[in-house]
Amino acid sequence: MKKKIRRGVMYLFLITVGIVLIYPLVWMFFATFKTNAEIFGSSALLPTHISLNAYIEGWKSGGGVYSMGHFMKNTFLLVVPSVLLTVISSTLVGYGFARFDFPFKGFLFAMMLSTLMLPGTVTMIPKYLIFNKMGWLNTYLPFIVPAALGSSAFLIYMVLQFIRGIPTELDESAKLDGCGSLRILIYLIVPLAKPALVSCVIFQSLWSWNDYFNPLIYINSTKKFPISLGLRLMLDSAGKNAWDQIMAMSVVAILPCLILFAVAQKTFVEGVSTAGLKG
């Protein structure tokens, strides 16, 4: 009986916290069907009548010169290469640390993990100066090139932990069949490490898609702005904002991330838990 009561209290607490966390998103969604006057003039959650005008006008106008579709296209051009190259580089580096012995392996691994302790603000100015000297400012190279060079220590560690959980006997069997290290990685490790790789895709997609600060620093042309900066352009400095359109485009902006997580949720949970990130 006590166990049932304890479980009931836990569920009640979790449901309450869930409602508190999700209510702002629900309110924002229903606000997209209201007019500006109704948003600020009524405390009701549901609109008096449903109108898609905020979505239509917001998508057309965007931040002024360019439509929101243009900013969405820029975001995909930035995010997709970054995600693919991050997953590939993290897999290669994680596989190397998990399966090979080489000089200074422990030192290099410790140095890689130590970068997790550095706040982004510490490396912000050095990276800006380097990218500026290389002529990469106002391009997507500051996001794509580091992704190809294994810049995410967290994802490398996650993949590494997952690969360590794969029995080495499978590698030995593959070697007896004539497979080299690269073929073992492609045809054995990658399929077995699918949950970890899917987790990498979700993490990096969310980080890149929601990134506001780095594009603000490295990109100065409105034409190349991603969706995060495009939404900022919809805010009027005089305070005359079309909040219904801003809410509508915010919903559109988070929709790809919601779809990605909904599709890959089961595999994502498996990858995170198996990689040992729970404890």
C-alpha atoms as a PDB file:
ATOM      1  CA  MET A   1       0.000   0.000   0.000  1.00  0.00           C
ATOM      2  CA  LYS A   2       2.800   2.412   0.917  1.00  0.00           C
ATOM      3  CA  LYS A   3       4.515   1.597  -2.361  1.00  0.00           C
ATOM      4  CA  LYS A   4       1.365   2.509  -4.320  1.00  0.00           C
ATOM      5  CA  ILE A   5       0.989   5.766  -2.413  1.00  0.00           C
ATOM      6  CA  ARG A   6       4.635   6.640  -3.017  1.00  0.00           C
ATOM      7  CA  ARG A   7       4.278   5.866  -6.707  1.00  0.00           C
ATOM      8  CA  GLY A   8       1.078   7.915  -6.931  1.00  0.00           C
ATOM      9  CA  VAL A   9       2.744  10.915  -5.272  1.00  0.00           C
ATOM     10  CA  MET A  10       5.709  10.582  -7.647  1.00  0.00           C
ATOM     11  CA  TYR A  11       3.449  10.462 -10.704  1.00  0.00           C
ATOM     12  CA  LEU A  12       1.468  13.452  -9.447  1.00  0.00           C
ATOM     13  CA  PHE A  13       4.676  15.421  -8.957  1.00  0.00           C
ATOM     14  CA  LEU A  14       6.004  14.494 -12.411  1.00  0.00           C
ATOM     15  CA  ILE A  15       2.693  15.383 -14.084  1.00  0.00           C
ATOM     16  CA  THR A  16       2.646  18.742 -12.292  1.00  0.00           C
ATOM     17  CA  VAL A  17       6.209  19.532 -13.349  1.00  0.00           C
ATOM     18  CA  GLY A  18       5.411  18.406 -16.906  1.00  0.00           C
ATOM     19  CA  ILE A  19       2.395  20.719 -17.099  1.00  0.00           C
ATOM     20  CA  VAL A  20       4.442  23.645 -15.793  1.00  0.00           C
ATOM     21  CA  LEU A  21       7.159  23.018 -18.382  1.00  0.00           C
ATOM     22  CA  ILE A  22       4.902  22.409 -21.373  1.00  0.00           C
ATOM     23  CA  TYR A  23       2.280  25.101 -20.695  1.00  0.00           C
ATOM     24  CA  PRO A  24       4.351  27.980 -22.206  1.00  0.00           C
ATOM     25  CA  LEU A  25       4.688  25.998 -25.441  1.00  0.00           C
ATOM     26  CA  VAL A  26       0.974  25.236 -25.500  1.00  0.00           C
ATOM     27  CA  TRP A  27       0.159  28.900 -24.837  1.00  0.00           C
ATOM     28  CA  MET A  28       2.526  30.005 -27.619  1.00  0.00           C
ATOM     29  CA  PHE A  29       0.901  27.559 -30.048  1.00  0.00           C
ATOM     30  CA  PHE A  30      -2.624  28.821 -29.392  1.00  0.00           C
ATOM     31  CA  ALA A  31      -1.407  32.437 -29.444  1.00  0.00           C
ATOM     32  CA  THR A  32      -0.465  31.978 -33.096  1.00  0.00           C
ATOM     33  CA  PHE A  33      -4.179  31.820 -33.945  1.00  0.00           C
ATOM     34  CA  LYS A  34      -4.956  35.075 -32.126  1.00  0.00           C
ATOM     35  CA  THR A  35      -4.553  38.701 -33.119  1.00  0.00           C
ATOM     36  CA  ASN A  36      -2.205  41.030 -31.269  1.00  0.00           C
ATOM     37  CA  ALA A  37      -5.171  42.654 -29.533  1.00  0.00           C
ATOM     38  CA  GLU A  38      -6.510  39.295 -28.373  1.00  0.00           C
ATOM     39  CA  ILE A  39      -3.111  38.109 -27.131  1.00  0.00           C
ATOM     40  CA  PHE A  40      -2.806  41.043 -24.737  1.00  0.00           C
ATOM     41  CA  GLY A  41      -6.498  41.677 -24.174  1.00  0.00           C
ATOM     42  CA  SER A  42      -7.627  38.198 -23.107  1.00  0.00           C
ATOM     43  CA  SER A  43      -6.281  35.707 -20.597  1.00  0.00           C
ATOM     44  CA  ALA A  44      -8.093  32.797 -22.234  1.00  0.00           C
ATOM     45  CA  LEU A  45      -5.913  30.012 -23.605  1.00  0.00           C
ATOM     46  CA  LEU A  46      -8.074  29.241 -26.649  1.00  0.00           C
ATOM     47  CA  PRO A  47      -8.629  31.853 -29.376  1.00  0.00           C
ATOM     48  CA  THR A  48     -12.117  33.196 -30.072  1.00  0.00           C
ATOM     49  CA  HIS A  49     -11.703  32.190 -33.706  1.00  0.00           C
ATOM     50  CA  ILE A  50      -8.956  30.362 -35.583  1.00  0.00           C
ATOM     51  CA  SER A  51      -6.954  32.315 -38.160  1.00  0.00           C
ATOM     52  CA  LEU A  52      -3.841  31.267 -40.080  1.00  0.00           C
ATOM     53  CA  ASN A  53      -3.000  34.840 -41.005  1.00  0.00           C
ATOM     54  CA  ALA A  54      -0.042  34.944 -38.578  1.00  0.00           C
ATOM     55  CA  TYR A  55       1.581  31.963 -40.302  1.00  0.00           C
ATOM     56  CA  ILE A  56       0.977  33.340 -43.795  1.00  0.00           C
ATOM     57  CA  GLU A  57       2.143  36.897 -43.117  1.00  0.00           C
ATOM     58  CA  GLY A  58       5.004  35.817 -40.856  1.00  0.00           C
ATOM     59  CA  TRP A  59       6.346  33.383 -43.450  1.00  0.00           C
ATOM     60  CA  LYS A  60       6.175  36.037 -46.178  1.00  0.00           C
ATOM     61  CA  SER A  61       7.583  38.985 -44.277  1.00  0.00           C
ATOM     62  CA  GLY A  62      10.176  37.213 -42.104  1.00  0.00           C
ATOM     63  CA  GLY A  63      12.674  39.782 -40.914  1.00  0.00           C
ATOM     64  CA  GLY A  64      11.836  42.328 -43.627  1.00  0.00           C
ATOM     65  CA  VAL A  65      13.908  41.879 -46.796  1.00  0.00           C
ATOM     66  CA  TYR A  66      14.016  38.070 -46.745  1.00  0.00           C
ATOM     67  CA  SER A  67      11.224  35.596 -46.075  1.00  0.00           C
ATOM     68  CA  MET A  68      11.293  33.133 -43.219  1.00  0.00           C
ATOM     69  CA  GLY A  69      11.681  30.387 -45.803  1.00  0.00           C
ATOM     70  CA  HIS A  70      15.026  31.936 -46.794  1.00  0.00           C
ATOM     71  CA  PHE A  71      16.262  31.808 -43.184  1.00  0.00           C
ATOM     72  CA  MET A  72      15.005  28.244 -42.862  1.00  0.00           C
ATOM     73  CA  LYS A  73      16.987  27.242 -45.965  1.00  0.00           C
ATOM     74  CA  ASN A  74      20.108  28.874 -44.505  1.00  0.00           C
ATOM     75  CA  THR A  75      19.627  26.927 -41.293  1.00  0.00           C
ATOM     76  CA  PHE A  76      19.513  23.616 -43.142  1.00  0.00           C
ATOM     77  CA  LEU A  77      22.629  24.598 -45.118  1.00  0.00           C
ATOM     78  CA  LEU A  78      24.401  25.201 -41.819  1.00  0.00           C
ATOM     79  CA  VAL A  79      22.980  22.402 -39.691  1.00  0.00           C
ATOM     80  CA  VAL A  80      22.993  19.406 -42.066  1.00  0.00           C
ATOM     81  CA  PRO A  81      26.743  19.474 -42.921  1.00  0.00           C
ATOM     82  CA  SER A  82      27.622  20.230 -39.292  1.00  0.00           C
ATOM     83  CA  VAL A  83      25.595  17.267 -38.030  1.00  0.00           C
ATOM     84  CA  LEU A  84      26.861  14.789 -40.647  1.00  0.00           C
ATOM     85  CA  LEU A  85      30.507  15.762 -40.209  1.00  0.00           C
ATOM     86  CA  THR A  86      30.219  15.781 -36.410  1.00  0.00           C
ATOM     87  CA  VAL A  87      28.788  12.258 -36.386  1.00  0.00           C
ATOM     88  CA  ILE A  88      31.473  10.988 -38.787  1.00  0.00           C
ATOM     89  CA  SER A  89      34.376  12.611 -36.942  1.00  0.00           C
ATOM     90  CA  SER A  90      33.063  11.617 -33.504  1.00  0.00           C
ATOM     91  CA  THR A  91      32.697   8.013 -34.673  1.00  0.00           C
ATOM     92  CA  LEU A  92      36.225   7.893 -36.087  1.00  0.00           C
ATOM     93  CA  VAL A  93      37.832   9.439 -33.005  1.00  0.00           C
ATOM     94  CA  GLY A  94      35.730   7.385 -30.593  1.00  0.00           C
ATOM     95  CA  TYR A  95      36.572   4.186 -32.480  1.00  0.00           C
ATOM     96  CA  GLY A  96      40.266   5.055 -32.395  1.00  0.00           C
ATOM     97  CA  PHE A  97      40.293   5.603 -28.626  1.00  0.00           C
ATOM     98  CA  ALA A  98      38.158   2.536 -27.939  1.00  0.00           C
ATOM     99  CA  ARG A  99      39.941  -0.022 -30.103  1.00  0.00           C
ATOM    100  CA  PHE A 100      43.552   1.070 -30.675  1.00  0.00           C
ATOM    101  CA  ASP A 101      46.650   1.584 -28.541  1.00  0.00           C
ATOM    102  CA  PHE A 102      48.996   4.371 -29.604  1.00  0.00           C
ATOM    103  CA  PRO A 103      51.579   6.651 -27.964  1.00  0.00           C
ATOM    104  CA  PHE A 104      50.226   9.266 -25.535  1.00  0.00           C
ATOM    105  CA  LYS A 105      46.735   7.796 -25.783  1.00  0.00           C
ATOM    106  CA  GLY A 106      45.957   8.478 -22.116  1.00  0.00           C
ATOM    107  CA  PHE A 107      47.330  12.017 -22.296  1.00  0.00           C
ATOM    108  CA  LEU A 108      45.397  12.864 -25.451  1.00  0.00           C
ATOM    109  CA  PHE A 109      42.218  11.393 -23.998  1.00  0.00           C
ATOM    110  CA  ALA A 110      42.634  13.458 -20.822  1.00  0.00           C
ATOM    111  CA  MET A 111      43.259  16.594 -22.892  1.00  0.00           C
ATOM    112  CA  MET A 112      40.120  15.929 -24.899  1.00  0.00           C
ATOM    113  CA  LEU A 113      38.007  15.518 -21.771  1.00  0.00           C
ATOM    114  CA  SER A 114      39.527  18.629 -20.227  1.00  0.00           C
ATOM    115  CA  THR A 115      37.981  20.722 -23.000  1.00  0.00           C
ATOM    116  CA  LEU A 116      34.564  19.858 -21.545  1.00  0.00           C
ATOM    117  CA  MET A 117      35.450  21.962 -18.515  1.00  0.00           C
ATOM    118  CA  LEU A 118      36.151  25.100 -20.577  1.00  0.00           C
ATOM    119  CA  PRO A 119      33.226  27.537 -20.886  1.00  0.00           C
ATOM    120  CA  GLY A 120      32.498  28.646 -24.424  1.00  0.00           C
ATOM    121  CA  THR A 121      33.289  32.239 -23.487  1.00  0.00           C
ATOM    122  CA  VAL A 122      36.927  31.277 -22.790  1.00  0.00           C
ATOM    123  CA  THR A 123      37.554  30.164 -26.375  1.00  0.00           C
ATOM    124  CA  MET A 124      35.260  32.709 -28.028  1.00  0.00           C
ATOM    125  CA  ILE A 125      37.862  35.423 -28.703  1.00  0.00           C
ATOM    126  CA  PRO A 126      40.696  33.064 -29.807  1.00  0.00           C
ATOM    127  CA  LYS A 127      38.348  31.293 -32.231  1.00  0.00           C
ATOM    128  CA  TYR A 128      37.096  34.597 -33.608  1.00  0.00           C
ATOM    129  CA  LEU A 129      40.637  35.831 -34.212  1.00  0.00           C
ATOM    130  CA  ILE A 130      41.626  32.557 -35.897  1.00  0.00           C
ATOM    131  CA  PHE A 131      38.560  32.471 -38.142  1.00  0.00           C
ATOM    132  CA  ASN A 132      38.988  36.150 -38.984  1.00  0.00           C
ATOM    133  CA  LYS A 133      42.623  35.627 -39.989  1.00  0.00           C
ATOM    134  CA  MET A 134      41.621  32.673 -42.175  1.00  0.00           C
ATOM    135  CA  GLY A 135      38.928  34.735 -43.883  1.00  0.00           C
ATOM    136  CA  TRP A 136      36.072  32.523 -42.688  1.00  0.00           C
ATOM    137  CA  LEU A 137      33.873  35.220 -41.169  1.00  0.00           C
ATOM    138  CA  ASN A 138      30.457  35.678 -42.762  1.00  0.00           C
ATOM    139  CA  THR A 139      30.563  32.064 -43.999  1.00  0.00           C
ATOM    140  CA  TYR A 140      29.440  28.752 -42.528  1.00  0.00           C
ATOM    141  CA  LEU A 141      33.022  27.424 -42.366  1.00  0.00           C
ATOM    142  CA  PRO A 142      33.456  28.257 -38.628  1.00  0.00           C
ATOM    143  CA  PHE A 143      30.673  25.735 -37.996  1.00  0.00           C
ATOM    144  CA  ILE A 144      31.415  23.095 -40.637  1.00  0.00           C
ATOM    145  CA  VAL A 145      35.216  22.744 -40.484  1.00  0.00           C
ATOM    146  CA  PRO A 146      35.476  22.223 -36.692  1.00  0.00           C
ATOM    147  CA  ALA A 147      32.663  19.665 -36.990  1.00  0.00           C
ATOM    148  CA  ALA A 148      34.769  17.702 -39.492  1.00  0.00           C
ATOM    149  CA  LEU A 149      37.763  17.754 -37.146  1.00  0.00           C
ATOM    150  CA  GLY A 150      36.066  16.162 -34.127  1.00  0.00           C
ATOM    151  CA  SER A 151      35.421  19.293 -32.105  1.00  0.00           C
ATOM    152  CA  SER A 152      32.695  17.798 -29.873  1.00  0.00           C
ATOM    153  CA  ALA A 153      34.429  16.036 -26.979  1.00  0.00           C
ATOM    154  CA  PHE A 154      31.086  15.183 -25.398  1.00  0.00           C
ATOM    155  CA  LEU A 155      29.827  13.273 -28.439  1.00  0.00           C
ATOM    156  CA  ILE A 156      33.196  11.574 -28.920  1.00  0.00           C
ATOM    157  CA  TYR A 157      33.066  10.361 -25.343  1.00  0.00           C
ATOM    158  CA  MET A 158      29.501   9.132 -25.760  1.00  0.00           C
ATOM    159  CA  VAL A 159      30.362   7.133 -28.900  1.00  0.00           C
ATOM    160  CA  LEU A 160      33.538   5.837 -27.269  1.00  0.00           C
ATOM    161  CA  GLN A 161      31.621   4.552 -24.250  1.00  0.00           C
ATOM    162  CA  PHE A 162      29.133   2.788 -26.480  1.00  0.00           C
ATOM    163  CA  ILE A 163      31.859   1.132 -28.586  1.00  0.00           C
ATOM    164  CA  ARG A 164      33.606  -0.049 -25.435  1.00  0.00           C
ATOM    165  CA  GLY A 165      30.431  -1.961 -24.621  1.00  0.00           C
ATOM    166  CA  ILE A 166      30.661  -3.914 -27.892  1.00  0.00           C
ATOM    167  CA  PRO A 167      32.581  -7.193 -27.316  1.00  0.00           C
ATOM    168  CA  THR A 168      36.039  -7.194 -28.881  1.00  0.00           C
ATOM    169  CA  GLU A 169      35.468 -10.840 -29.815  1.00  0.00           C
ATOM    170  CA  LEU A 170      33.314  -9.588 -32.677  1.00  0.00           C
ATOM    171  CA  ASP A 171      36.283  -7.602 -33.996  1.00  0.00           C
ATOM    172  CA  GLU A 172      38.513 -10.656 -33.742  1.00  0.00           C
ATOM    173  CA  SER A 173      36.011 -12.770 -35.665  1.00  0.00           C
ATOM    174  CA  ALA A 174      35.819 -10.140 -38.375  1.00  0.00           C
ATOM    175  CA  LYS A 175      39.611 -10.026 -38.628  1.00  0.00           C
ATOM    176  CA  LEU A 176      39.691 -13.794 -39.095  1.00  0.00           C
ATOM    177  CA  ASP A 177      37.325 -13.300 -42.011  1.00  0.00           C
ATOM    178  CA  GLY A 178      39.790 -10.887 -43.569  1.00  0.00           C
ATOM    179  CA  CYS A 179      38.252  -7.559 -42.542  1.00  0.00           C
ATOM    180  CA  GLY A 180      40.507  -4.588 -41.886  1.00  0.00           C
ATOM    181  CA  SER A 181      39.929  -1.901 -39.277  1.00  0.00           C
ATOM    182  CA  LEU A 182      37.962   0.333 -41.638  1.00  0.00           C
ATOM    183  CA  ARG A 183      35.649  -2.462 -42.769  1.00  0.00           C
ATOM    184  CA  ILE A 184      35.110  -3.510 -39.153  1.00  0.00           C
ATOM    185  CA  LEU A 185      34.113   0.053 -38.344  1.00  0.00           C
ATOM    186  CA  ILE A 186      31.740   0.424 -41.281  1.00  0.00           C
ATOM    187  CA  TYR A 187      30.116  -3.004 -41.347  1.00  0.00           C
ATOM    188  CA  LEU A 188      30.268  -4.029 -37.674  1.00  0.00           C
ATOM    189  CA  ILE A 189      30.706  -1.134 -35.260  1.00  0.00           C
ATOM    190  CA  VAL A 190      28.490   1.439 -36.991  1.00  0.00           C
ATOM    191  CA  PRO A 191      25.397  -0.822 -37.229  1.00  0.00           C
ATOM    192  CA  LEU A 192      25.787  -1.925 -33.604  1.00  0.00           C
ATOM    193  CA  ALA A 193      26.401   1.665 -32.456  1.00  0.00           C
ATOM    194  CA  LYS A 194      23.293   3.002 -34.186  1.00  0.00           C
ATOM    195  CA  PRO A 195      21.624   4.167 -30.929  1.00  0.00           C
ATOM    196  CA  ALA A 196      24.694   6.197 -29.975  1.00  0.00           C
ATOM    197  CA  LEU A 197      24.971   7.690 -33.458  1.00  0.00           C
ATOM    198  CA  VAL A 198      21.291   8.640 -33.465  1.00  0.00           C
ATOM    199  CA  SER A 199      21.845  10.319 -30.107  1.00  0.00           C
ATOM    200  CA  CYS A 200      24.738  12.252 -31.651  1.00  0.00           C
ATOM    201  CA  VAL A 201      22.498  13.366 -34.500  1.00  0.00           C
ATOM    202  CA  ILE A 202      19.822  14.608 -32.101  1.00  0.00           C
ATOM    203  CA  PHE A 203      22.235  16.383 -29.759  1.00  0.00           C
ATOM    204  CA  GLN A 204      24.148  18.118 -32.530  1.00  0.00           C
ATOM    205  CA  SER A 205      20.980  18.982 -34.448  1.00  0.00           C
ATOM    206  CA  LEU A 206      19.440  20.659 -31.407  1.00  0.00           C
ATOM    207  CA  TRP A 207      22.650  22.495 -30.536  1.00  0.00           C
ATOM    208  CA  SER A 208      23.209  23.758 -34.085  1.00  0.00           C
ATOM    209  CA  TRP A 209      19.564  24.588 -34.792  1.00  0.00           C
ATOM    210  CA  ASN A 210      19.078  26.553 -31.567  1.00  0.00           C
ATOM    211  CA  ASP A 211      22.472  28.262 -31.647  1.00  0.00           C
ATOM    212  CA  TYR A 212      22.051  32.039 -31.536  1.00  0.00           C
ATOM    213  CA  PHE A 213      25.308  33.336 -30.111  1.00  0.00           C
ATOM    214  CA  ASN A 214      27.816  31.825 -32.571  1.00  0.00           C
ATOM    215  CA  PRO A 215      25.974  32.875 -35.764  1.00  0.00           C
ATOM    216  CA  LEU A 216      25.607  36.320 -34.224  1.00  0.00           C
ATOM    217  CA  ILE A 217      29.409  36.529 -33.896  1.00  0.00           C
ATOM    218  CA  TYR A 218      30.564  34.913 -37.147  1.00  0.00           C
ATOM    219  CA  ILE A 219      27.818  35.933 -39.611  1.00  0.00           C
ATOM    220  CA  ASN A 220      27.208  39.606 -40.337  1.00  0.00           C
ATOM    221  CA  SER A 221      25.233  39.389 -43.570  1.00  0.00           C
ATOM    222  CA  THR A 222      21.461  39.255 -43.192  1.00  0.00           C
ATOM    223  CA  LYS A 223      21.297  37.157 -46.347  1.00  0.00           C
ATOM    224  CA  LYS A 224      23.136  34.318 -44.556  1.00  0.00           C
ATOM    225  CA  PHE A 225      21.282  34.477 -41.229  1.00  0.00           C
ATOM    226  CA  PRO A 226      19.890  31.194 -39.848  1.00  0.00           C
ATOM    227  CA  ILE A 227      16.409  30.965 -38.362  1.00  0.00           C
ATOM    228  CA  SER A 228      17.593  31.947 -34.874  1.00  0.00           C
ATOM    229  CA  LEU A 229      18.800  35.340 -36.122  1.00  0.00           C
ATOM    230  CA  GLY A 230      15.896  35.636 -38.551  1.00  0.00           C
ATOM    231  CA  LEU A 231      13.432  35.518 -35.667  1.00  0.00           C
ATOM    232  CA  ARG A 232      15.367  38.316 -33.970  1.00  0.00           C
ATOM    233  CA  LEU A 233      14.819  40.534 -37.014  1.00  0.00           C
ATOM    234  CA  MET A 234      11.067  40.310 -36.481  1.00  0.00           C
ATOM    235  CA  LEU A 235      11.387  42.303 -33.258  1.00  0.00           C
ATOM    236  CA  ASP A 236      10.803  45.993 -33.870  1.00  0.00           C
ATOM    237  CA  SER A 237      13.120  48.369 -32.017  1.00  0.00           C
ATOM    238  CA  ALA A 238      10.222  50.767 -31.483  1.00  0.00           C
ATOM    239  CA  GLY A 239       8.237  48.066 -29.699  1.00  0.00           C
ATOM    240  CA  LYS A 240       5.558  47.707 -32.385  1.00  0.00           C
ATOM    241  CA  ASN A 241       5.854  43.967 -32.739  1.00  0.00           C
ATOM    242  CA  ALA A 242       3.479  41.593 -34.529  1.00  0.00           C
ATOM    243  CA  TRP A 243       3.543  39.076 -31.708  1.00  0.00           C
ATOM    244  CA  ASP A 244       1.106  36.738 -33.427  1.00  0.00           C
ATOM    245  CA  GLN A 245       3.538  36.403 -36.349  1.00  0.00           C
ATOM    246  CA  ILE A 246       6.539  36.071 -34.032  1.00  0.00           C
ATOM    247  CA  MET A 247       4.800  33.273 -32.125  1.00  0.00           C
ATOM    248  CA  ALA A 248       3.801  31.561 -35.374  1.00  0.00           C
ATOM    249  CA  MET A 249       7.336  31.625 -36.776  1.00  0.00           C
ATOM    250  CA  SER A 250       8.688  30.422 -33.423  1.00  0.00           C
ATOM    251  CA  VAL A 251       6.419  27.388 -33.699  1.00  0.00           C
ATOM    252  CA  VAL A 252       7.642  26.805 -37.260  1.00  0.00           C
ATOM    253  CA  ALA A 253      11.247  27.148 -36.075  1.00  0.00           C
ATOM    254  CA  ILE A 254      10.981  24.490 -33.371  1.00  0.00           C
ATOM    255  CA  LEU A 255       8.890  22.095 -35.480  1.00  0.00           C
ATOM    256  CA  PRO A 256      11.840  20.291 -37.183  1.00  0.00           C
ATOM    257  CA  CYS A 257      13.464  19.605 -33.805  1.00  0.00           C
ATOM    258  CA  LEU A 258      10.204  18.250 -32.379  1.00  0.00           C
ATOM    259  CA  ILE A 259       9.713  15.976 -35.391  1.00  0.00           C
ATOM    260  CA  LEU A 260      13.293  14.697 -35.215  1.00  0.00           C
ATOM    261  CA  PHE A 261      13.046  13.898 -31.518  1.00  0.00           C
ATOM    262  CA  ALA A 262       9.608  12.281 -31.881  1.00  0.00           C
ATOM    263  CA  VAL A 263      10.833  10.000 -34.679  1.00  0.00           C
ATOM    264  CA  ALA A 264      14.089   8.985 -32.971  1.00  0.00           C
ATOM    265  CA  GLN A 265      13.021   9.134 -29.302  1.00  0.00           C
ATOM    266  CA  LYS A 266      13.226   5.402 -28.602  1.00  0.00           C
ATOM    267  CA  THR A 267      16.651   4.998 -30.199  1.00  0.00           C
ATOM    268  CA  PHE A 268      17.860   8.186 -28.508  1.00  0.00           C
ATOM    269  CA  VAL A 269      16.948   6.941 -25.024  1.00  0.00           C
ATOM    270  CA  GLU A 270      18.636   3.611 -25.736  1.00  0.00           C
ATOM    271  CA  GLY A 271      21.786   5.319 -26.961  1.00  0.00           C
ATOM    272  CA  VAL A 272      22.086   7.677 -23.988  1.00  0.00           C
ATOM    273  CA  SER A 273      21.403   5.004 -21.374  1.00  0.00           C
ATOM    274  CA  THR A 274      23.679   2.391 -22.974  1.00  0.00           C
ATOM    275  CA  ALA A 275      26.524   4.877 -23.371  1.00  0.00           C
ATOM    276  CA  GLY A 276      26.618   5.259 -19.603  1.00  0.00           C
ATOM    277  CA  LEU A 277      25.558   8.889 -19.416  1.00  0.00           C
ATOM    278  CA  LYS A 278      23.020   8.198 -16.692  1.00  0.00           C
ATOM    279  CA  GLY A 279      25.544   7.781 -13.965  1.00  0.00           C
END
